Amino acid sequence: MLRINDHITIEDWELTEQFIRASGPGGQNVNKVSTAVELRFEADRSPNLPAQVKSRLRRLAGRRWTSDGAILIQVQDTRSQARNRDIARERLAELVEKATHKPKRRIPTKPTLGSKRRRLQAKKERGEVKALRGKVDPTG
């Protein structure tokens, strides 16, 4: 069981772990031992997650969200299988925790009168510079 906060816990049946061979350093060991972990969380079917949290989780997960509504987290940071497993669980917990927070609504603000004037003045100056780049009239 993975505890996220007071209200949300992820049961063990919702998580499946698969150990795969990791790339990178490890010498001859890297070809024999499956130390990388692939953690799969069936987020869409989870009864412990509210609908709003699921929708925010889908947006936060991005490419890690599969077409059948699961989250895939791959970790191959260390040479230890147990440590990689713990890191994967921590990352999942952080992701779900982040999804529980409702984002603050942005309140649109008007530009100040001074900023409007500065913008128009800058546009005017830029226009004058560009006007000076025109062809020179030899008669005039």
Protein backbone atom coordinates (compact mmCIF):
# COMPACT_ATOMS: atom_id res chain seq x y z
CA MET A 1 0.00 0.00 0.00
CA LEU A 2 1.30 3.44 -1.00
CA ARG A 3 0.05 6.34 1.13
CA ILE A 4 -0.26 9.71 -0.67
CA ASN A 5 -2.08 11.80 1.92
CA ASP A 6 -4.82 11.39 4.58
CA HIS A 7 -7.51 10.75 1.95
CA ILE A 8 -5.68 8.92 -0.84
CA THR A 9 -3.91 5.58 -0.68
CA ILE A 10 -2.90 3.36 -3.58
CA GLU A 11 -3.53 -0.33 -3.01
CA ASP A 12 -0.99 -2.98 -4.01
CA TRP A 13 -3.33 -4.56 -6.58
CA GLU A 14 -3.33 -1.26 -8.54
CA LEU A 15 0.46 -1.43 -8.98
CA THR A 16 2.38 -3.88 -11.14
CA GLU A 17 6.15 -3.93 -11.30
CA GLN A 18 8.27 -5.41 -14.03
CA PHE A 19 12.03 -5.62 -13.83
CA ILE A 20 13.96 -5.07 -17.03
CA ARG A 21 17.60 -4.78 -17.98
CA ALA A 22 19.00 -1.30 -17.56
CA SER A 23 21.29 0.47 -19.98
CA GLY A 24 24.36 2.38 -18.86
CA PRO A 25 27.13 1.51 -16.41
CA GLY A 26 27.33 -1.85 -14.70
CA GLY A 27 30.09 -3.73 -16.46
CA GLN A 28 29.39 -7.39 -17.25
CA ASN A 29 26.63 -7.32 -14.66
CA VAL A 30 24.44 -5.09 -16.85
CA ASN A 31 23.83 -7.96 -19.29
CA LYS A 32 22.77 -10.43 -16.59
CA VAL A 33 20.78 -8.60 -13.93
CA SER A 34 17.44 -6.86 -14.45
CA THR A 35 17.83 -3.83 -12.19
CA ALA A 36 15.64 -1.27 -13.97
CA VAL A 37 12.03 -1.16 -12.84
CA GLU A 38 8.88 -0.36 -14.80
CA LEU A 39 6.06 0.60 -12.43
CA ARG A 40 2.52 0.51 -13.84
CA PHE A 41 -0.34 2.20 -11.98
CA GLU A 42 -3.90 1.65 -13.23
CA ALA A 43 -4.93 5.25 -12.56
CA ASP A 44 -8.12 5.32 -14.62
CA ARG A 45 -9.57 2.28 -12.82
CA SER A 46 -8.45 3.34 -9.35
CA PRO A 47 -11.40 3.67 -6.92
CA ASN A 48 -9.29 5.75 -4.52
CA LEU A 49 -8.77 8.72 -6.86
CA PRO A 50 -11.47 11.39 -7.29
CA ALA A 51 -12.41 12.36 -10.87
CA GLN A 52 -10.74 15.81 -10.67
CA VAL A 53 -7.49 14.26 -9.45
CA LYS A 54 -7.59 11.73 -12.32
CA SER A 55 -8.01 14.46 -14.93
CA ARG A 56 -5.19 16.56 -13.45
CA LEU A 57 -3.03 13.42 -13.17
CA ARG A 58 -3.61 12.65 -16.86
CA ARG A 59 -2.39 16.14 -17.81
CA LEU A 60 0.62 15.98 -15.46
CA ALA A 61 1.66 12.47 -16.56
CA GLY A 62 1.89 13.46 -20.23
CA ARG A 63 3.64 10.73 -22.26
CA ARG A 64 3.70 8.40 -19.25
CA TRP A 65 -0.11 8.05 -19.50
CA THR A 66 -0.97 5.06 -21.68
CA SER A 67 -4.01 4.71 -23.97
CA ASP A 68 -5.65 2.27 -21.55
CA GLY A 69 -5.47 4.74 -18.64
CA ALA A 70 -2.36 3.56 -16.80
CA ILE A 71 0.75 5.47 -15.74
CA LEU A 72 4.13 3.94 -16.63
CA ILE A 73 7.17 5.03 -14.64
CA GLN A 74 10.59 3.65 -15.62
CA VAL A 75 13.56 4.01 -13.29
CA GLN A 76 17.13 2.85 -13.91
CA ASP A 77 18.96 5.41 -11.78
CA THR A 78 20.89 3.01 -9.56
CA ARG A 79 22.38 -0.47 -9.91
CA SER A 80 20.17 -1.69 -7.06
CA GLN A 81 16.82 -3.19 -7.99
CA ALA A 82 15.33 -2.41 -4.57
CA ARG A 83 16.46 1.23 -4.69
CA ASN A 84 15.06 1.69 -8.22
CA ARG A 85 11.77 0.23 -6.98
CA ASP A 86 11.64 2.72 -4.10
CA ILE A 87 12.48 5.63 -6.43
CA ALA A 88 9.67 4.61 -8.82
CA ARG A 89 7.16 4.48 -5.97
CA GLU A 90 8.35 7.88 -4.68
CA ARG A 91 7.95 9.41 -8.15
CA LEU A 92 4.44 8.02 -8.47
CA ALA A 93 3.54 9.37 -5.02
CA GLU A 94 4.90 12.83 -5.94
CA LEU A 95 2.95 12.83 -9.20
CA VAL A 96 -0.34 11.90 -7.50
CA GLU A 97 0.34 14.39 -4.69
CA LYS A 98 0.88 17.15 -7.24
CA ALA A 99 -2.41 16.21 -8.94
CA THR A 100 -4.33 16.60 -5.67
CA HIS A 101 -3.59 20.33 -5.53
CA LYS A 102 -6.07 22.45 -7.43
CA PRO A 103 -4.22 25.04 -9.53
CA LYS A 104 -4.86 28.67 -8.65
CA ARG A 105 -7.02 30.49 -11.18
CA ARG A 106 -5.24 33.27 -13.01
CA ILE A 107 -6.95 36.62 -12.58
CA PRO A 108 -6.49 38.68 -15.76
CA THR A 109 -5.22 42.20 -15.10
CA LYS A 110 -5.35 45.33 -17.23
CA PRO A 111 -2.13 46.97 -18.37
CA THR A 112 -1.42 50.22 -16.53
CA LEU A 113 -1.77 53.58 -18.26
CA GLY A 114 1.98 54.14 -17.95
CA SER A 115 2.80 50.79 -19.59
CA LYS A 116 0.43 51.59 -22.48
CA ARG A 117 2.11 54.96 -23.03
CA ARG A 118 5.61 53.45 -22.88
CA ARG A 119 4.62 50.78 -25.40
CA LEU A 120 3.17 53.33 -27.83
CA GLN A 121 6.21 55.60 -27.44
CA ALA A 122 8.56 52.69 -28.19
CA LYS A 123 6.49 51.80 -31.27
CA LYS A 124 6.64 55.40 -32.46
CA GLU A 125 10.42 55.59 -32.02
CA ARG A 126 10.88 52.28 -33.82
CA GLY A 127 8.69 53.51 -36.69
CA GLU A 128 10.79 56.68 -37.01
CA VAL A 129 13.99 54.61 -37.19
CA LYS A 130 12.50 52.44 -39.92
CA ALA A 131 11.21 55.48 -41.83
CA LEU A 132 14.77 56.80 -42.02
CA ARG A 133 15.85 53.61 -43.81
CA GLY A 134 13.92 54.50 -46.96
CA LYS A 135 15.54 55.32 -50.31
CA VAL A 136 17.13 58.73 -50.55
CA ASP A 137 15.50 61.05 -53.10
CA PRO A 138 18.37 62.56 -55.19
CA THR A 139 16.27 65.54 -56.32
CA GLY A 140 15.06 66.57 -52.92
